[in-house]
Amino acid sequence: MSAPLIEPEDKQADEQVTIRLRPEIARDLRAYGQYASDSSTSHVVSAALKRLFAADKGFQSFSKSIRTQATRQFDRTADPGAKLRQKRR
């Protein structure tokens, strides 16, 4: 038998997100959790999404652009003089 594709669960606190799944997906999700050292379904979903996000180059580019925009927005909010300095450029 081969090893699971996900790392063992670290038992770190998580944010709760509610999702709905097709019955056959939910069944496979629970089965994969058992296969992966009795990992929780939350851990299996998190690990699968991490792999998906890492493999999807288009999403990585998109995600980077959103983070850049959020950082710029935060910088302007945190430093009221930033707007003035930007206008002077």
PDB file of N, CA and C in Angstrom:
ATOM      1  N   MET A   1       0.861  -1.186   0.000  1.00  0.00           N
ATOM      2  CA  MET A   1       0.000   0.000   0.000  1.00  0.00           C
ATOM      3  C   MET A   1       0.897   1.234   0.000  1.00  0.00           C
ATOM      4  N   SER A   2       0.579   2.230  -0.821  1.00  0.00           N
ATOM      5  CA  SER A   2       1.370   3.459  -0.888  1.00  0.00           C
ATOM      6  C   SER A   2       0.989   4.411   0.247  1.00  0.00           C
ATOM      7  N   ALA A   3       1.838   5.418   0.423  1.00  0.00           N
ATOM      8  CA  ALA A   3       1.613   6.396   1.503  1.00  0.00           C
ATOM      9  C   ALA A   3       0.619   7.462   1.069  1.00  0.00           C
ATOM     10  N   PRO A   4      -0.100   8.062   2.018  1.00  0.00           N
ATOM     11  CA  PRO A   4      -1.023   9.156   1.691  1.00  0.00           C
ATOM     12  C   PRO A   4      -0.262  10.350   1.110  1.00  0.00           C
ATOM     13  N   LEU A   5      -0.945  11.145   0.317  1.00  0.00           N
ATOM     14  CA  LEU A   5      -0.345  12.330  -0.292  1.00  0.00           C
ATOM     15  C   LEU A   5      -0.322  13.536   0.636  1.00  0.00           C
ATOM     16  N   ILE A   6      -0.904  13.411   1.820  1.00  0.00           N
ATOM     17  CA  ILE A   6      -0.952  14.546   2.742  1.00  0.00           C
ATOM     18  C   ILE A   6      -0.104  14.272   3.975  1.00  0.00           C
ATOM     19  N   GLU A   7       0.341  15.350   4.613  1.00  0.00           N
ATOM     20  CA  GLU A   7       1.127  15.252   5.834  1.00  0.00           C
ATOM     21  C   GLU A   7       0.217  14.888   7.007  1.00  0.00           C
ATOM     22  N   PRO A   8       0.795  14.312   8.071  1.00  0.00           N
ATOM     23  CA  PRO A   8      -0.014  14.027   9.261  1.00  0.00           C
ATOM     24  C   PRO A   8      -0.614  15.309   9.836  1.00  0.00           C
ATOM     25  N   GLU A   9      -1.723  15.164  10.477  1.00  0.00           N
ATOM     26  CA  GLU A   9      -2.425  16.308  11.062  1.00  0.00           C
ATOM     27  C   GLU A   9      -1.628  16.888  12.219  1.00  0.00           C
ATOM     28  N   ASP A  10      -1.578  18.228  12.318  1.00  0.00           N
ATOM     29  CA  ASP A  10      -0.799  18.877  13.372  1.00  0.00           C
ATOM     30  C   ASP A  10      -1.634  19.346  14.557  1.00  0.00           C
ATOM     31  N   LYS A  11      -2.925  19.201  14.492  1.00  0.00           N
ATOM     32  CA  LYS A  11      -3.847  19.559  15.586  1.00  0.00           C
ATOM     33  C   LYS A  11      -3.828  21.045  15.932  1.00  0.00           C
ATOM     34  N   GLN A  12      -3.416  21.880  15.000  1.00  0.00           N
ATOM     35  CA  GLN A  12      -3.415  23.335  15.174  1.00  0.00           C
ATOM     36  C   GLN A  12      -4.856  23.847  15.103  1.00  0.00           C
ATOM     37  N   ALA A  13      -5.152  24.931  15.810  1.00  0.00           N
ATOM     38  CA  ALA A  13      -6.507  25.508  15.780  1.00  0.00           C
ATOM     39  C   ALA A  13      -6.828  25.998  14.366  1.00  0.00           C
ATOM     40  N   ASP A  14      -8.052  25.790  13.938  1.00  0.00           N
ATOM     41  CA  ASP A  14      -8.479  26.147  12.587  1.00  0.00           C
ATOM     42  C   ASP A  14      -9.645  27.118  12.609  1.00  0.00           C
ATOM     43  N   GLU A  15      -9.851  27.773  11.491  1.00  0.00           N
ATOM     44  CA  GLU A  15     -11.036  28.611  11.289  1.00  0.00           C
ATOM     45  C   GLU A  15     -12.140  27.716  10.752  1.00  0.00           C
ATOM     46  N   GLN A  16     -13.349  27.916  11.195  1.00  0.00           N
ATOM     47  CA  GLN A  16     -14.464  27.088  10.748  1.00  0.00           C
ATOM     48  C   GLN A  16     -15.058  27.634   9.462  1.00  0.00           C
ATOM     49  N   VAL A  17     -15.230  26.739   8.486  1.00  0.00           N
ATOM     50  CA  VAL A  17     -15.877  27.056   7.219  1.00  0.00           C
ATOM     51  C   VAL A  17     -16.879  25.936   6.947  1.00  0.00           C
ATOM     52  N   THR A  18     -18.090  26.280   6.585  1.00  0.00           N
ATOM     53  CA  THR A  18     -19.114  25.278   6.314  1.00  0.00           C
ATOM     54  C   THR A  18     -19.232  25.065   4.810  1.00  0.00           C
ATOM     55  N   ILE A  19     -19.186  23.797   4.398  1.00  0.00           N
ATOM     56  CA  ILE A  19     -19.342  23.462   2.978  1.00  0.00           C
ATOM     57  C   ILE A  19     -20.345  22.325   2.835  1.00  0.00           C
ATOM     58  N   ARG A  20     -20.869  22.170   1.631  1.00  0.00           N
ATOM     59  CA  ARG A  20     -21.765  21.061   1.325  1.00  0.00           C
ATOM     60  C   ARG A  20     -21.084  20.235   0.244  1.00  0.00           C
ATOM     61  N   LEU A  21     -21.150  18.916   0.382  1.00  0.00           N
ATOM     62  CA  LEU A  21     -20.516  17.999  -0.565  1.00  0.00           C
ATOM     63  C   LEU A  21     -21.513  16.975  -1.075  1.00  0.00           C
ATOM     64  N   ARG A  22     -21.268  16.506  -2.255  1.00  0.00           N
ATOM     65  CA  ARG A  22     -22.052  15.387  -2.787  1.00  0.00           C
ATOM     66  C   ARG A  22     -21.795  14.171  -1.898  1.00  0.00           C
ATOM     67  N   PRO A  23     -22.786  13.305  -1.720  1.00  0.00           N
ATOM     68  CA  PRO A  23     -22.615  12.144  -0.826  1.00  0.00           C
ATOM     69  C   PRO A  23     -21.380  11.295  -1.143  1.00  0.00           C
ATOM     70  N   GLU A  24     -21.112  11.057  -2.426  1.00  0.00           N
ATOM     71  CA  GLU A  24     -19.972  10.206  -2.769  1.00  0.00           C
ATOM     72  C   GLU A  24     -18.632  10.886  -2.434  1.00  0.00           C
ATOM     73  N   ILE A  25     -18.594  12.203  -2.531  1.00  0.00           N
ATOM     74  CA  ILE A  25     -17.379  12.948  -2.168  1.00  0.00           C
ATOM     75  C   ILE A  25     -17.192  12.912  -0.655  1.00  0.00           C
ATOM     76  N   ALA A  26     -18.264  13.110   0.093  1.00  0.00           N
ATOM     77  CA  ALA A  26     -18.199  13.060   1.555  1.00  0.00           C
ATOM     78  C   ALA A  26     -17.741  11.679   2.025  1.00  0.00           C
ATOM     79  N   ARG A  27     -18.242  10.640   1.375  1.00  0.00           N
ATOM     80  CA  ARG A  27     -17.862   9.267   1.732  1.00  0.00           C
ATOM     81  C   ARG A  27     -16.361   9.054   1.481  1.00  0.00           C
ATOM     82  N   ASP A  28     -15.880   9.508   0.319  1.00  0.00           N
ATOM     83  CA  ASP A  28     -14.454   9.370   0.000  1.00  0.00           C
ATOM     84  C   ASP A  28     -13.586  10.234   0.918  1.00  0.00           C
ATOM     85  N   LEU A  29     -14.092  11.385   1.298  1.00  0.00           N
ATOM     86  CA  LEU A  29     -13.370  12.273   2.215  1.00  0.00           C
ATOM     87  C   LEU A  29     -13.153  11.580   3.567  1.00  0.00           C
ATOM     88  N   ARG A  30     -14.197  10.994   4.093  1.00  0.00           N
ATOM     89  CA  ARG A  30     -14.069  10.269   5.369  1.00  0.00           C
ATOM     90  C   ARG A  30     -13.127   9.079   5.229  1.00  0.00           C
ATOM     91  N   ALA A  31     -13.246   8.355   4.126  1.00  0.00           N
ATOM     92  CA  ALA A  31     -12.381   7.186   3.891  1.00  0.00           C
ATOM     93  C   ALA A  31     -10.918   7.618   3.780  1.00  0.00           C
ATOM     94  N   TYR A  32     -10.664   8.732   3.094  1.00  0.00           N
ATOM     95  CA  TYR A  32      -9.278   9.200   2.951  1.00  0.00           C
ATOM     96  C   TYR A  32      -8.723   9.613   4.304  1.00  0.00           C
ATOM     97  N   GLY A  33      -9.545  10.200   5.146  1.00  0.00           N
ATOM     98  CA  GLY A  33      -9.107  10.551   6.496  1.00  0.00           C
ATOM     99  C   GLY A  33      -8.665   9.324   7.273  1.00  0.00           C
ATOM    100  N   GLN A  34      -9.410   8.238   7.148  1.00  0.00           N
ATOM    101  CA  GLN A  34      -9.018   6.987   7.803  1.00  0.00           C
ATOM    102  C   GLN A  34      -7.703   6.474   7.231  1.00  0.00           C
ATOM    103  N   TYR A  35      -7.579   6.527   5.913  1.00  0.00           N
ATOM    104  CA  TYR A  35      -6.371   6.064   5.226  1.00  0.00           C
ATOM    105  C   TYR A  35      -5.154   6.893   5.636  1.00  0.00           C
ATOM    106  N   ALA A  36      -5.344   8.178   5.849  1.00  0.00           N
ATOM    107  CA  ALA A  36      -4.242   9.090   6.190  1.00  0.00           C
ATOM    108  C   ALA A  36      -4.089   9.177   7.705  1.00  0.00           C
ATOM    109  N   SER A  37      -3.793   8.066   8.323  1.00  0.00           N
ATOM    110  CA  SER A  37      -3.518   8.009   9.763  1.00  0.00           C
ATOM    111  C   SER A  37      -4.652   8.564  10.616  1.00  0.00           C
ATOM    112  N   ASP A  38      -5.879   8.240  10.244  1.00  0.00           N
ATOM    113  CA  ASP A  38      -7.059   8.703  10.977  1.00  0.00           C
ATOM    114  C   ASP A  38      -7.103  10.227  11.112  1.00  0.00           C
ATOM    115  N   SER A  39      -6.778  10.921  10.034  1.00  0.00           N
ATOM    116  CA  SER A  39      -6.851  12.388  10.018  1.00  0.00           C
ATOM    117  C   SER A  39      -8.308  12.825   9.954  1.00  0.00           C
ATOM    118  N   SER A  40      -8.576  14.011  10.474  1.00  0.00           N
ATOM    119  CA  SER A  40      -9.939  14.553  10.425  1.00  0.00           C
ATOM    120  C   SER A  40     -10.279  14.959   8.993  1.00  0.00           C
ATOM    121  N   THR A  41     -11.573  15.060   8.726  1.00  0.00           N
ATOM    122  CA  THR A  41     -11.995  15.509   7.398  1.00  0.00           C
ATOM    123  C   THR A  41     -11.519  16.940   7.153  1.00  0.00           C
ATOM    124  N   SER A  42     -11.479  17.757   8.186  1.00  0.00           N
ATOM    125  CA  SER A  42     -10.980  19.132   8.041  1.00  0.00           C
ATOM    126  C   SER A  42      -9.535  19.141   7.576  1.00  0.00           C
ATOM    127  N   HIS A  43      -8.732  18.258   8.153  1.00  0.00           N
ATOM    128  CA  HIS A  43      -7.324  18.193   7.765  1.00  0.00           C
ATOM    129  C   HIS A  43      -7.178  17.728   6.315  1.00  0.00           C
ATOM    130  N   VAL A  44      -7.953  16.739   5.922  1.00  0.00           N
ATOM    131  CA  VAL A  44      -7.877  16.232   4.551  1.00  0.00           C
ATOM    132  C   VAL A  44      -8.245  17.338   3.565  1.00  0.00           C
ATOM    133  N   VAL A  45      -9.317  18.071   3.846  1.00  0.00           N
ATOM    134  CA  VAL A  45      -9.730  19.163   2.963  1.00  0.00           C
ATOM    135  C   VAL A  45      -8.645  20.240   2.915  1.00  0.00           C
ATOM    136  N   SER A  46      -8.102  20.619   4.068  1.00  0.00           N
ATOM    137  CA  SER A  46      -7.050  21.646   4.112  1.00  0.00           C
ATOM    138  C   SER A  46      -5.821  21.217   3.317  1.00  0.00           C
ATOM    139  N   ALA A  47      -5.396  19.977   3.513  1.00  0.00           N
ATOM    140  CA  ALA A  47      -4.212  19.479   2.811  1.00  0.00           C
ATOM    141  C   ALA A  47      -4.458  19.406   1.301  1.00  0.00           C
ATOM    142  N   ALA A  48      -5.643  18.969   0.918  1.00  0.00           N
ATOM    143  CA  ALA A  48      -5.973  18.886  -0.511  1.00  0.00           C
ATOM    144  C   ALA A  48      -5.996  20.278  -1.142  1.00  0.00           C
ATOM    145  N   LEU A  49      -6.562  21.248  -0.435  1.00  0.00           N
ATOM    146  CA  LEU A  49      -6.602  22.616  -0.954  1.00  0.00           C
ATOM    147  C   LEU A  49      -5.204  23.217  -1.047  1.00  0.00           C
ATOM    148  N   LYS A  50      -4.354  22.945  -0.071  1.00  0.00           N
ATOM    149  CA  LYS A  50      -2.970  23.434  -0.137  1.00  0.00           C
ATOM    150  C   LYS A  50      -2.277  22.904  -1.390  1.00  0.00           C
ATOM    151  N   ARG A  51      -2.472  21.616  -1.677  1.00  0.00           N
ATOM    152  CA  ARG A  51      -1.872  21.010  -2.879  1.00  0.00           C
ATOM    153  C   ARG A  51      -2.448  21.651  -4.139  1.00  0.00           C
ATOM    154  N   LEU A  52      -3.746  21.859  -4.153  1.00  0.00           N
ATOM    155  CA  LEU A  52      -4.396  22.490  -5.300  1.00  0.00           C
ATOM    156  C   LEU A  52      -3.853  23.899  -5.522  1.00  0.00           C
ATOM    157  N   PHE A  53      -3.797  24.698  -4.454  1.00  0.00           N
ATOM    158  CA  PHE A  53      -3.316  26.070  -4.562  1.00  0.00           C
ATOM    159  C   PHE A  53      -1.864  26.115  -5.027  1.00  0.00           C
ATOM    160  N   ALA A  54      -1.043  25.179  -4.551  1.00  0.00           N
ATOM    161  CA  ALA A  54       0.371  25.141  -4.930  1.00  0.00           C
ATOM    162  C   ALA A  54       0.551  24.716  -6.385  1.00  0.00           C
ATOM    163  N   ALA A  55      -0.341  23.880  -6.887  1.00  0.00           N
ATOM    164  CA  ALA A  55      -0.214  23.363  -8.258  1.00  0.00           C
ATOM    165  C   ALA A  55      -0.800  24.294  -9.313  1.00  0.00           C
ATOM    166  N   ASP A  56      -1.712  25.158  -8.926  1.00  0.00           N
ATOM    167  CA  ASP A  56      -2.421  26.013  -9.885  1.00  0.00           C
ATOM    168  C   ASP A  56      -1.671  27.338 -10.065  1.00  0.00           C
ATOM    169  N   LYS A  57      -0.882  27.425 -11.131  1.00  0.00           N
ATOM    170  CA  LYS A  57      -0.053  28.617 -11.379  1.00  0.00           C
ATOM    171  C   LYS A  57      -0.917  29.866 -11.615  1.00  0.00           C
ATOM    172  N   GLY A  58      -2.039  29.710 -12.269  1.00  0.00           N
ATOM    173  CA  GLY A  58      -2.942  30.839 -12.498  1.00  0.00           C
ATOM    174  C   GLY A  58      -3.469  31.398 -11.184  1.00  0.00           C
ATOM    175  N   PHE A  59      -3.836  30.496 -10.267  1.00  0.00           N
ATOM    176  CA  PHE A  59      -4.310  30.948  -8.963  1.00  0.00           C
ATOM    177  C   PHE A  59      -3.198  31.634  -8.188  1.00  0.00           C
ATOM    178  N   GLN A  60      -1.979  31.113  -8.274  1.00  0.00           N
ATOM    179  CA  GLN A  60      -0.860  31.724  -7.562  1.00  0.00           C
ATOM    180  C   GLN A  60      -0.661  33.168  -8.007  1.00  0.00           C
ATOM    181  N   SER A  61      -0.733  33.401  -9.297  1.00  0.00           N
ATOM    182  CA  SER A  61      -0.592  34.754  -9.835  1.00  0.00           C
ATOM    183  C   SER A  61      -1.738  35.642  -9.351  1.00  0.00           C
ATOM    184  N   PHE A  62      -2.949  35.126  -9.430  1.00  0.00           N
ATOM    185  CA  PHE A  62      -4.135  35.851  -8.980  1.00  0.00           C
ATOM    186  C   PHE A  62      -4.023  36.190  -7.494  1.00  0.00           C
ATOM    187  N   SER A  63      -3.663  35.190  -6.697  1.00  0.00           N
ATOM    188  CA  SER A  63      -3.553  35.367  -5.248  1.00  0.00           C
ATOM    189  C   SER A  63      -2.482  36.403  -4.900  1.00  0.00           C
ATOM    190  N   LYS A  64      -1.374  36.354  -5.619  1.00  0.00           N
ATOM    191  CA  LYS A  64      -0.296  37.321  -5.371  1.00  0.00           C
ATOM    192  C   LYS A  64      -0.776  38.742  -5.667  1.00  0.00           C
ATOM    193  N   SER A  65      -1.539  38.910  -6.746  1.00  0.00           N
ATOM    194  CA  SER A  65      -2.029  40.252  -7.088  1.00  0.00           C
ATOM    195  C   SER A  65      -3.020  40.760  -6.046  1.00  0.00           C
ATOM    196  N   ILE A  66      -3.848  39.884  -5.489  1.00  0.00           N
ATOM    197  CA  ILE A  66      -4.797  40.320  -4.459  1.00  0.00           C
ATOM    198  C   ILE A  66      -4.044  40.716  -3.187  1.00  0.00           C
ATOM    199  N   ARG A  67      -3.043  39.908  -2.811  1.00  0.00           N
ATOM    200  CA  ARG A  67      -2.257  40.233  -1.616  1.00  0.00           C
ATOM    201  C   ARG A  67      -1.529  41.556  -1.796  1.00  0.00           C
ATOM    202  N   THR A  68      -1.012  41.810  -2.991  1.00  0.00           N
ATOM    203  CA  THR A  68      -0.324  43.072  -3.268  1.00  0.00           C
ATOM    204  C   THR A  68      -1.292  44.236  -3.123  1.00  0.00           C
ATOM    205  N   GLN A  69      -2.495  44.104  -3.665  1.00  0.00           N
ATOM    206  CA  GLN A  69      -3.504  45.154  -3.553  1.00  0.00           C
ATOM    207  C   GLN A  69      -3.893  45.376  -2.093  1.00  0.00           C
ATOM    208  N   ALA A  70      -4.066  44.284  -1.350  1.00  0.00           N
ATOM    209  CA  ALA A  70      -4.445  44.400   0.061  1.00  0.00           C
ATOM    210  C   ALA A  70      -3.335  45.079   0.858  1.00  0.00           C
ATOM    211  N   THR A  71      -2.085  44.765   0.549  1.00  0.00           N
ATOM    212  CA  THR A  71      -0.954  45.387   1.241  1.00  0.00           C
ATOM    213  C   THR A  71      -0.915  46.878   0.947  1.00  0.00           C
ATOM    214  N   ARG A  72      -1.115  47.232  -0.300  1.00  0.00           N
ATOM    215  CA  ARG A  72      -1.121  48.660  -0.668  1.00  0.00           C
ATOM    216  C   ARG A  72      -2.242  49.390   0.054  1.00  0.00           C
ATOM    217  N   GLN A  73      -3.415  48.774   0.110  1.00  0.00           N
ATOM    218  CA  GLN A  73      -4.559  49.379   0.788  1.00  0.00           C
ATOM    219  C   GLN A  73      -4.253  49.546   2.275  1.00  0.00           C
ATOM    220  N   PHE A  74      -3.665  48.525   2.887  1.00  0.00           N
ATOM    221  CA  PHE A  74      -3.324  48.591   4.303  1.00  0.00           C
ATOM    222  C   PHE A  74      -2.281  49.678   4.541  1.00  0.00           C
ATOM    223  N   ASP A  75      -1.279  49.754   3.673  1.00  0.00           N
ATOM    224  CA  ASP A  75      -0.230  50.768   3.830  1.00  0.00           C
ATOM    225  C   ASP A  75      -0.826  52.175   3.790  1.00  0.00           C
ATOM    226  N   ARG A  76      -1.765  52.410   2.886  1.00  0.00           N
ATOM    227  CA  ARG A  76      -2.398  53.735   2.791  1.00  0.00           C
ATOM    228  C   ARG A  76      -3.227  54.036   4.027  1.00  0.00           C
ATOM    229  N   THR A  77      -3.899  53.011   4.554  1.00  0.00           N
ATOM    230  CA  THR A  77      -4.733  53.197   5.745  1.00  0.00           C
ATOM    231  C   THR A  77      -3.861  53.408   6.980  1.00  0.00           C
ATOM    232  N   ALA A  78      -2.783  52.659   7.080  1.00  0.00           N
ATOM    233  CA  ALA A  78      -1.907  52.734   8.248  1.00  0.00           C
ATOM    234  C   ALA A  78      -1.093  54.020   8.267  1.00  0.00           C
ATOM    235  N   ASP A  79      -0.809  54.594   7.086  1.00  0.00           N
ATOM    236  CA  ASP A  79       0.020  55.797   6.987  1.00  0.00           C
ATOM    237  C   ASP A  79      -0.764  56.863   6.218  1.00  0.00           C
ATOM    238  N   PRO A  80      -1.499  57.734   6.922  1.00  0.00           N
ATOM    239  CA  PRO A  80      -2.324  58.738   6.253  1.00  0.00           C
ATOM    240  C   PRO A  80      -1.524  59.632   5.302  1.00  0.00           C
ATOM    241  N   GLY A  81      -0.256  59.862   5.551  1.00  0.00           N
ATOM    242  CA  GLY A  81       0.560  60.697   4.673  1.00  0.00           C
ATOM    243  C   GLY A  81       0.943  60.006   3.384  1.00  0.00           C
ATOM    244  N   ALA A  82       0.701  58.693   3.279  1.00  0.00           N
ATOM    245  CA  ALA A  82       1.072  57.945   2.077  1.00  0.00           C
ATOM    246  C   ALA A  82       0.328  58.464   0.853  1.00  0.00           C
ATOM    247  N   LYS A  83      -0.948  58.822   1.019  1.00  0.00           N
ATOM    248  CA  LYS A  83      -1.723  59.343  -0.103  1.00  0.00           C
ATOM    249  C   LYS A  83      -1.093  60.629  -0.643  1.00  0.00           C
ATOM    250  N   LEU A  84      -0.703  61.497   0.253  1.00  0.00           N
ATOM    251  CA  LEU A  84      -0.096  62.757  -0.163  1.00  0.00           C
ATOM    252  C   LEU A  84       1.214  62.509  -0.891  1.00  0.00           C
ATOM    253  N   ARG A  85       2.032  61.620  -0.353  1.00  0.00           N
ATOM    254  CA  ARG A  85       3.319  61.311  -0.996  1.00  0.00           C
ATOM    255  C   ARG A  85       3.110  60.698  -2.350  1.00  0.00           C
ATOM    256  N   GLN A  86       2.060  59.843  -2.490  1.00  0.00           N
ATOM    257  CA  GLN A  86       1.768  59.213  -3.775  1.00  0.00           C
ATOM    258  C   GLN A  86       1.353  60.258  -4.802  1.00  0.00           C
ATOM    259  N   LYS A  87       0.550  61.221  -4.405  1.00  0.00           N
ATOM    260  CA  LYS A  87       0.092  62.268  -5.320  1.00  0.00           C
ATOM    261  C   LYS A  87       1.255  63.126  -5.817  1.00  0.00           C
ATOM    262  N   ARG A  88       2.258  63.328  -4.991  1.00  0.00           N
ATOM    263  CA  ARG A  88       3.392  64.178  -5.352  1.00  0.00           C
ATOM    264  C   ARG A  88       4.275  63.508  -6.401  1.00  0.00           C
ATOM    265  N   ARG A  89       4.235  62.191  -6.513  1.00  0.00           N
ATOM    266  CA  ARG A  89       5.103  61.461  -7.450  1.00  0.00           C
ATOM    267  C   ARG A  89       4.725  61.711  -8.883  1.00  0.00           C
TER     268      ARG A  89
END
